[in-house]
Amino acid sequence: MTSRERTLTQLTGGVPDRIARTDSPWSETIRRWRQEGLGEEEDVGRRFGFDLAGIGGCDTSLRLPTETIEDCDEYCIHRDANGVLRKDFKRDSGHTPQWLEHTIKTPEDWFEHKERLVPCDERVDKEKLPKQYAELRERDLFIHFTHTEAYEMSWPVWGQVGIFTTMMDRPDVIEDVFKTYTDLIIALAQNVLDLGVDFDGAWFWGDLGYRNSQLFSPALYDQLLFPHHQRMCRFFNDLGKPVILHSCGRIQELIPRFIEAGFAAIQPLEAKANQDVRELKKIFGNQIVFFGNIDIRTMSTTKEAIEEEMRTKITAAKEGGGYIYHSDHSVPPTVSWENYQFVMECVDRFGNFDGA
């Protein structure tokens, strides 16, 4: 099978020749691996046969004027196109910015600015996307339209405290926020398709959990966000394009709702948030594809521990085709090149389907 065929088979309920695979090493991790044996120009995805690749680059900002306040070797303080004053650190990947000030603070601010969130040609890179698509299509990868979903688009604009308090005080406003962003992303996805960029599926990022639970209650999810997740999934599913949801933290209590909304797969299933794909498979079977959950803390230990983690989780989760390999978030530089090569050896050993 090609990567495209393999991944589509899994995301539509079938059994492929082997489980699909992809991963997300940090830039610091790649630097370490190059010192330990990875070729200077070698691509990790090509080395290990990663099956999925994303295209994106749509602008969903408020398109406000940007401004750099301070720029040094360690950080940059700037006002972004959403009107947010933020401090971004340069040396480490995966950092969380410091959010210093928000233009959108009140419902009145939102309704004053929301008219800026209209789709237009300038929001899509018409030069880059077709070229990127053509290159990936030549490799016959599963190409996914990649973007954040409505919650992940909106909370940086409001700030987490701002959006949570408005959820409670003015849920009608946040419902309008989520509707507006979902309208925008559907329109832009259609714009991309109209360019001839016929991607195979979609992968949306929306972090709804932290270590112990969801960031807000399932009741608020049902009331405010679920209808727009469902509408977004319906748009892509009606085109035969399965949808993957990336959501960090402990989100397993929301999995029944994700299934109902129409997501084909949930990723990354953080093990450090006390989620275990072996148990999730018993509960949900093949109602949704599980994607990830290989504990990066274990990857940083011994080969014996890695093999146990990989064997037991992959063997349990791949039954019926319903598992795609990924770490339980992203691969940090605590993982050696030797250990990661062994991780991928285990994917080869335990990820095949006999007779498929």
Protein backbone atom coordinates (compact mmCIF):
# COMPACT_ATOMS: atom_id res chain seq x y z
CA MET A 1 0.00 0.00 0.00
CA THR A 2 1.05 3.60 -0.48
CA SER A 3 1.09 5.96 2.50
CA ARG A 4 -2.08 7.59 1.18
CA GLU A 5 -3.91 4.29 0.77
CA ARG A 6 -2.73 3.00 4.13
CA THR A 7 -3.82 6.04 6.13
CA LEU A 8 -7.14 6.44 4.34
CA THR A 9 -7.86 2.76 4.94
CA GLN A 10 -7.32 3.19 8.67
CA LEU A 11 -9.24 6.44 8.98
CA THR A 12 -12.24 4.96 7.16
CA GLY A 13 -12.45 1.81 9.28
CA GLY A 14 -10.36 -0.68 7.32
CA VAL A 15 -7.27 -2.79 7.96
CA PRO A 16 -4.11 -1.88 5.98
CA ASP A 17 -0.83 -3.72 5.48
CA ARG A 18 0.68 -1.99 8.52
CA ILE A 19 -0.23 0.83 10.85
CA ALA A 20 0.38 4.32 9.53
CA ARG A 21 3.04 6.36 11.32
CA THR A 22 4.26 9.88 11.86
CA ASP A 23 5.88 11.84 14.67
CA SER A 24 6.87 15.30 15.91
CA PRO A 25 10.47 15.65 17.14
CA TRP A 26 11.49 19.03 18.54
CA SER A 27 14.13 21.05 16.71
CA GLU A 28 16.48 20.53 19.69
CA THR A 29 15.90 16.79 19.34
CA ILE A 30 16.88 16.86 15.67
CA ARG A 31 20.06 18.76 16.59
CA ARG A 32 20.93 16.08 19.14
CA TRP A 33 20.21 13.27 16.69
CA ARG A 34 22.45 14.83 14.05
CA GLN A 35 25.28 14.68 16.58
CA GLU A 36 24.50 11.01 17.25
CA GLY A 37 24.18 9.62 13.72
CA LEU A 38 21.30 11.21 11.80
CA GLY A 39 22.64 12.63 8.53
CA GLU A 40 23.14 16.37 8.38
CA GLU A 41 20.64 16.75 5.54
CA GLU A 42 18.60 13.65 6.31
CA ASP A 43 14.85 13.98 6.89
CA VAL A 44 13.47 11.91 9.76
CA GLY A 45 10.12 11.42 8.04
CA ARG A 46 11.71 10.01 4.90
CA ARG A 47 14.14 7.90 6.93
CA PHE A 48 11.35 6.09 8.77
CA GLY A 49 8.60 6.20 6.19
CA PHE A 50 6.18 8.62 7.84
CA ASP A 51 2.84 8.43 6.07
CA LEU A 52 1.17 11.78 6.78
CA ALA A 53 2.09 15.32 5.79
CA GLY A 54 0.26 18.59 6.33
CA ILE A 55 -0.43 21.66 4.26
CA GLY A 56 -1.81 24.88 5.65
CA GLY A 57 -0.79 28.46 6.00
CA CYS A 58 -4.22 30.06 5.95
CA ASP A 59 -4.44 33.36 7.80
CA THR A 60 -7.31 33.34 10.32
CA SER A 61 -6.16 36.39 12.27
CA LEU A 62 -8.01 39.66 12.77
CA ARG A 63 -5.42 41.17 10.41
CA LEU A 64 -4.61 44.02 12.75
CA PRO A 65 -1.36 45.99 12.39
CA THR A 66 1.67 44.21 13.88
CA GLU A 67 4.44 45.84 15.87
CA THR A 68 7.78 44.73 17.32
CA ILE A 69 8.43 46.23 20.75
CA GLU A 70 11.67 44.49 21.74
CA ASP A 71 13.79 41.91 19.93
CA CYS A 72 16.88 40.25 21.42
CA ASP A 73 18.67 36.88 21.32
CA GLU A 74 16.40 35.30 23.93
CA TYR A 75 12.93 36.62 23.12
CA CYS A 76 10.79 38.96 21.06
CA ILE A 77 8.00 41.14 22.46
CA HIS A 78 5.55 42.05 19.72
CA ARG A 79 1.92 42.79 18.98
CA ASP A 80 0.52 40.19 16.61
CA ALA A 81 -2.19 40.37 13.96
CA ASN A 82 -4.84 39.48 16.58
CA GLY A 83 -3.92 42.57 18.59
CA VAL A 84 -2.20 40.49 21.29
CA LEU A 85 0.92 41.80 22.97
CA ARG A 86 3.03 38.70 23.57
CA LYS A 87 6.54 37.61 24.52
CA ASP A 88 7.90 34.74 22.44
CA PHE A 89 11.05 32.90 23.46
CA LYS A 90 13.50 31.90 20.72
CA ARG A 91 15.78 29.23 22.10
CA ASP A 92 13.37 26.41 22.82
CA SER A 93 10.74 24.89 20.57
CA GLY A 94 7.35 24.10 22.02
CA HIS A 95 7.47 27.03 24.43
CA THR A 96 4.38 28.77 25.74
CA PRO A 97 4.39 32.50 25.00
CA GLN A 98 3.72 35.01 27.72
CA TRP A 99 0.44 36.75 26.92
CA LEU A 100 0.84 40.35 28.06
CA GLU A 101 -2.22 42.22 26.78
CA HIS A 102 -5.30 41.53 24.64
CA THR A 103 -7.24 43.85 22.36
CA ILE A 104 -10.35 41.66 22.73
CA LYS A 105 -11.39 41.87 26.38
CA THR A 106 -15.16 42.29 26.33
CA PRO A 107 -18.17 41.26 24.23
CA GLU A 108 -18.23 44.79 22.87
CA ASP A 109 -14.62 44.42 21.70
CA TRP A 110 -15.53 41.17 19.95
CA PHE A 111 -18.50 42.57 18.07
CA GLU A 112 -16.46 45.61 17.08
CA HIS A 113 -13.73 43.46 15.52
CA LYS A 114 -15.45 40.27 14.29
CA GLU A 115 -16.27 41.81 10.91
CA ARG A 116 -12.54 41.56 10.16
CA LEU A 117 -12.85 37.75 10.12
CA VAL A 118 -14.28 37.49 6.64
CA PRO A 119 -12.74 35.10 4.10
CA CYS A 120 -10.76 36.71 1.32
CA ASP A 121 -8.19 35.64 -1.24
CA GLU A 122 -5.33 37.21 0.70
CA ARG A 123 -5.81 34.73 3.55
CA VAL A 124 -4.61 31.81 1.39
CA ASP A 125 -1.07 31.50 -0.01
CA LYS A 126 -1.94 30.73 -3.64
CA GLU A 127 1.70 30.40 -4.66
CA LYS A 128 3.00 28.15 -1.90
CA LEU A 129 0.12 25.72 -1.36
CA PRO A 130 -0.16 24.26 -4.91
CA LYS A 131 3.62 23.72 -5.06
CA GLN A 132 3.66 22.10 -1.62
CA TYR A 133 0.71 19.92 -2.58
CA ALA A 134 2.31 18.78 -5.84
CA GLU A 135 5.51 17.73 -4.07
CA LEU A 136 3.66 15.74 -1.42
CA ARG A 137 1.34 14.15 -3.98
CA GLU A 138 4.37 12.90 -5.91
CA ARG A 139 5.39 11.02 -2.75
CA ASP A 140 1.85 9.61 -2.44
CA LEU A 141 1.54 10.65 1.21
CA PHE A 142 -1.71 11.19 3.05
CA ILE A 143 -2.04 14.98 2.76
CA HIS A 144 -4.04 16.73 5.44
CA PHE A 145 -5.33 20.27 5.56
CA THR A 146 -3.90 21.45 8.88
CA HIS A 147 -5.22 24.19 11.09
CA THR A 148 -6.49 25.08 14.53
CA GLU A 149 -10.19 24.64 15.28
CA ALA A 150 -12.52 27.29 16.73
CA TYR A 151 -11.52 27.08 20.40
CA GLU A 152 -7.80 27.04 19.65
CA MET A 153 -8.20 29.99 17.29
CA SER A 154 -10.14 32.06 19.79
CA TRP A 155 -8.57 31.60 23.20
CA PRO A 156 -5.27 33.35 22.33
CA VAL A 157 -7.32 36.29 21.04
CA TRP A 158 -9.24 36.60 24.32
CA GLY A 159 -6.73 35.06 26.73
CA GLN A 160 -7.70 31.93 28.62
CA VAL A 161 -9.04 33.79 31.63
CA GLY A 162 -11.01 36.07 29.34
CA ILE A 163 -12.57 33.30 27.31
CA PHE A 164 -13.40 31.12 30.33
CA THR A 165 -15.10 33.92 32.23
CA THR A 166 -17.03 34.96 29.13
CA MET A 167 -18.15 31.34 28.65
CA MET A 168 -19.82 31.55 32.04
CA ASP A 169 -21.07 35.15 31.95
CA ARG A 170 -22.01 35.46 28.26
CA PRO A 171 -22.17 32.02 26.63
CA ASP A 172 -24.09 33.55 23.72
CA VAL A 173 -21.00 35.61 22.85
CA ILE A 174 -18.66 32.62 22.88
CA GLU A 175 -21.12 30.64 20.77
CA ASP A 176 -20.88 33.46 18.24
CA VAL A 177 -17.07 33.39 18.51
CA PHE A 178 -16.93 29.66 17.75
CA LYS A 179 -19.46 30.00 14.93
CA THR A 180 -17.50 32.84 13.33
CA TYR A 181 -14.18 31.00 13.40
CA THR A 182 -15.75 27.79 12.11
CA ASP A 183 -17.38 29.67 9.25
CA LEU A 184 -13.99 31.14 8.40
CA ILE A 185 -12.08 27.85 8.42
CA ILE A 186 -14.71 26.10 6.27
CA ALA A 187 -14.62 28.94 3.76
CA LEU A 188 -10.82 28.90 3.61
CA ALA A 189 -10.70 25.11 3.23
CA GLN A 190 -13.06 25.44 0.27
CA ASN A 191 -10.80 28.17 -1.11
CA VAL A 192 -7.84 25.79 -0.90
CA LEU A 193 -9.80 23.06 -2.68
CA ASP A 194 -10.76 25.52 -5.38
CA LEU A 195 -7.04 25.99 -6.08
CA GLY A 196 -6.88 22.31 -7.07
CA VAL A 197 -5.26 21.35 -3.76
CA ASP A 198 -7.33 18.20 -3.23
CA PHE A 199 -6.06 17.13 0.19
CA ASP A 200 -7.05 13.72 1.59
CA GLY A 201 -8.30 14.75 5.02
CA ALA A 202 -8.03 17.39 7.71
CA TRP A 203 -6.11 17.61 10.98
CA PHE A 204 -7.25 20.21 13.49
CA TRP A 205 -5.48 21.29 16.65
CA GLY A 206 -7.56 22.21 19.67
CA ASP A 207 -6.15 21.64 23.16
CA LEU A 208 -9.14 21.00 25.40
CA GLY A 209 -7.40 19.35 28.36
CA TYR A 210 -4.68 19.69 30.95
CA ARG A 211 -3.05 17.00 33.06
CA ASN A 212 -6.05 16.11 35.25
CA SER A 213 -9.18 16.94 33.25
CA GLN A 214 -10.73 19.04 30.50
CA LEU A 215 -10.20 22.79 30.53
CA PHE A 216 -13.95 23.32 30.72
CA SER A 217 -16.88 21.05 31.46
CA PRO A 218 -18.42 18.54 29.04
CA ALA A 219 -21.67 20.48 29.48
CA LEU A 220 -20.04 23.66 28.15
CA TYR A 221 -18.44 21.68 25.35
CA ASP A 222 -21.88 20.32 24.39
CA GLN A 223 -23.47 23.75 24.52
CA LEU A 224 -20.83 25.90 22.87
CA LEU A 225 -18.28 23.94 20.85
CA PHE A 226 -19.79 20.58 19.89
CA PRO A 227 -22.23 22.02 17.30
CA HIS A 228 -19.36 23.70 15.46
CA HIS A 229 -17.07 20.66 15.66
CA GLN A 230 -19.96 18.67 14.19
CA ARG A 231 -20.53 21.23 11.45
CA MET A 232 -16.82 21.35 10.62
CA CYS A 233 -16.54 17.55 10.47
CA ARG A 234 -19.67 17.33 8.31
CA PHE A 235 -18.15 19.68 5.74
CA PHE A 236 -15.06 17.50 5.32
CA ASN A 237 -16.78 14.14 5.74
CA ASP A 238 -19.32 15.00 3.07
CA LEU A 239 -16.35 15.39 0.72
CA GLY A 240 -14.97 11.99 1.77
CA LYS A 241 -12.18 13.57 3.81
CA PRO A 242 -11.73 12.15 7.34
CA VAL A 243 -10.89 14.54 10.17
CA ILE A 244 -8.26 14.08 12.89
CA LEU A 245 -8.40 16.03 16.15
CA HIS A 246 -5.26 16.86 18.10
CA SER A 247 -6.19 17.70 21.67
CA CYS A 248 -3.62 17.76 24.46
CA GLY A 249 -4.19 16.80 28.06
CA ARG A 250 -6.78 14.48 29.56
CA ILE A 251 -9.67 14.48 27.11
CA GLN A 252 -10.89 10.89 27.29
CA GLU A 253 -14.20 11.93 28.89
CA LEU A 254 -14.91 13.89 25.69
CA ILE A 255 -14.16 10.99 23.33
CA PRO A 256 -17.85 9.94 23.00
CA ARG A 257 -18.63 13.51 21.94
CA PHE A 258 -15.74 13.55 19.47
CA ILE A 259 -17.11 10.35 17.92
CA GLU A 260 -20.58 11.87 17.64
CA ALA A 261 -19.17 15.07 16.14
CA GLY A 262 -17.61 13.04 13.33
CA PHE A 263 -13.89 12.95 14.08
CA ALA A 264 -12.18 9.88 12.62
CA ALA A 265 -9.17 9.92 14.96
CA ILE A 266 -8.00 11.47 18.22
CA GLN A 267 -4.33 12.38 18.85
CA PRO A 268 -1.95 12.49 20.80
CA LEU A 269 -3.54 10.80 23.87
CA GLU A 270 -0.96 11.99 26.37
CA ALA A 271 0.15 9.15 28.64
CA LYS A 272 1.34 11.68 31.20
CA ALA A 273 -2.30 12.76 31.55
CA ASN A 274 -3.16 9.23 32.73
CA GLN A 275 -4.60 8.00 29.45
CA ASP A 276 -3.83 4.49 28.22
CA VAL A 277 -4.78 3.31 24.74
CA ARG A 278 -5.00 -0.27 26.00
CA GLU A 279 -7.90 0.73 28.24
CA LEU A 280 -9.43 3.14 25.73
CA LYS A 281 -9.54 0.36 23.13
CA LYS A 282 -11.59 -1.80 25.52
CA ILE A 283 -14.09 1.02 26.00
CA PHE A 284 -14.44 2.38 22.48
CA GLY A 285 -13.28 -0.42 20.22
CA ASN A 286 -13.08 0.79 16.62
CA GLN A 287 -15.51 3.69 16.95
CA ILE A 288 -12.55 6.05 16.57
CA VAL A 289 -8.92 5.63 15.53
CA PHE A 290 -6.45 6.08 18.38
CA PHE A 291 -3.37 7.99 17.33
CA GLY A 292 -0.33 8.24 19.62
CA ASN A 293 -0.06 7.47 23.36
CA ILE A 294 3.52 6.13 23.23
CA ASP A 295 5.00 7.63 26.38
CA ILE A 296 8.00 9.86 25.62
CA ARG A 297 9.17 9.37 29.21
CA THR A 298 9.59 5.68 28.44
CA MET A 299 11.39 6.50 25.18
CA SER A 300 14.03 8.18 27.32
CA THR A 301 14.78 5.06 29.38
CA THR A 302 15.82 1.51 28.40
CA LYS A 303 15.15 -0.59 25.32
CA GLU A 304 13.45 -3.18 27.51
CA ALA A 305 10.97 -0.59 28.77
CA ILE A 306 10.47 0.81 25.28
CA GLU A 307 9.75 -2.62 23.85
CA GLU A 308 7.15 -3.36 26.54
CA GLU A 309 5.45 -0.01 25.94
CA MET A 310 5.38 -0.47 22.18
CA ARG A 311 4.42 -4.14 22.12
CA THR A 312 1.53 -3.94 24.56
CA LYS A 313 0.04 -0.69 23.30
CA ILE A 314 0.38 -1.27 19.56
CA THR A 315 -0.81 -4.89 19.75
CA ALA A 316 -3.92 -3.91 21.71
CA ALA A 317 -4.77 -0.74 19.83
CA LYS A 318 -4.20 -1.89 16.24
CA GLU A 319 -6.96 -4.51 16.38
CA GLY A 320 -9.35 -3.86 13.52
CA GLY A 321 -6.96 -1.30 12.03
CA GLY A 322 -7.73 1.40 14.57
CA TYR A 323 -4.30 2.69 15.62
CA ILE A 324 -1.74 5.08 14.09
CA TYR A 325 1.73 5.44 15.61
CA HIS A 326 2.83 8.74 17.19
CA SER A 327 4.49 9.70 20.44
CA ASP A 328 2.16 10.91 23.17
CA HIS A 329 2.84 14.49 22.10
CA SER A 330 6.24 15.39 20.61
CA VAL A 331 9.70 13.88 20.97
CA PRO A 332 11.97 15.89 23.32
CA PRO A 333 15.79 15.91 23.29
CA THR A 334 15.87 13.51 26.26
CA VAL A 335 15.32 10.75 23.66
CA SER A 336 18.59 9.56 22.14
CA TRP A 337 19.00 8.71 18.47
CA GLU A 338 19.74 5.11 19.43
CA ASN A 339 16.53 4.86 21.41
CA TYR A 340 14.44 6.47 18.70
CA GLN A 341 15.77 4.10 16.06
CA PHE A 342 14.70 1.28 18.37
CA VAL A 343 11.25 2.87 18.74
CA MET A 344 10.84 2.72 14.98
CA GLU A 345 12.12 -0.85 14.88
CA CYS A 346 9.32 -1.69 17.30
CA VAL A 347 6.78 0.05 15.06
CA ASP A 348 7.98 -2.19 12.23
CA ARG A 349 7.81 -5.34 14.36
CA PHE A 350 4.50 -4.83 16.12
CA GLY A 351 2.64 -2.69 13.59
CA ASN A 352 2.12 -5.17 10.76
CA PHE A 353 -1.18 -6.88 9.99
CA ASP A 354 -0.66 -10.52 9.08
CA GLY A 355 -2.66 -11.41 6.01
CA ALA A 356 -3.84 -7.84 5.36
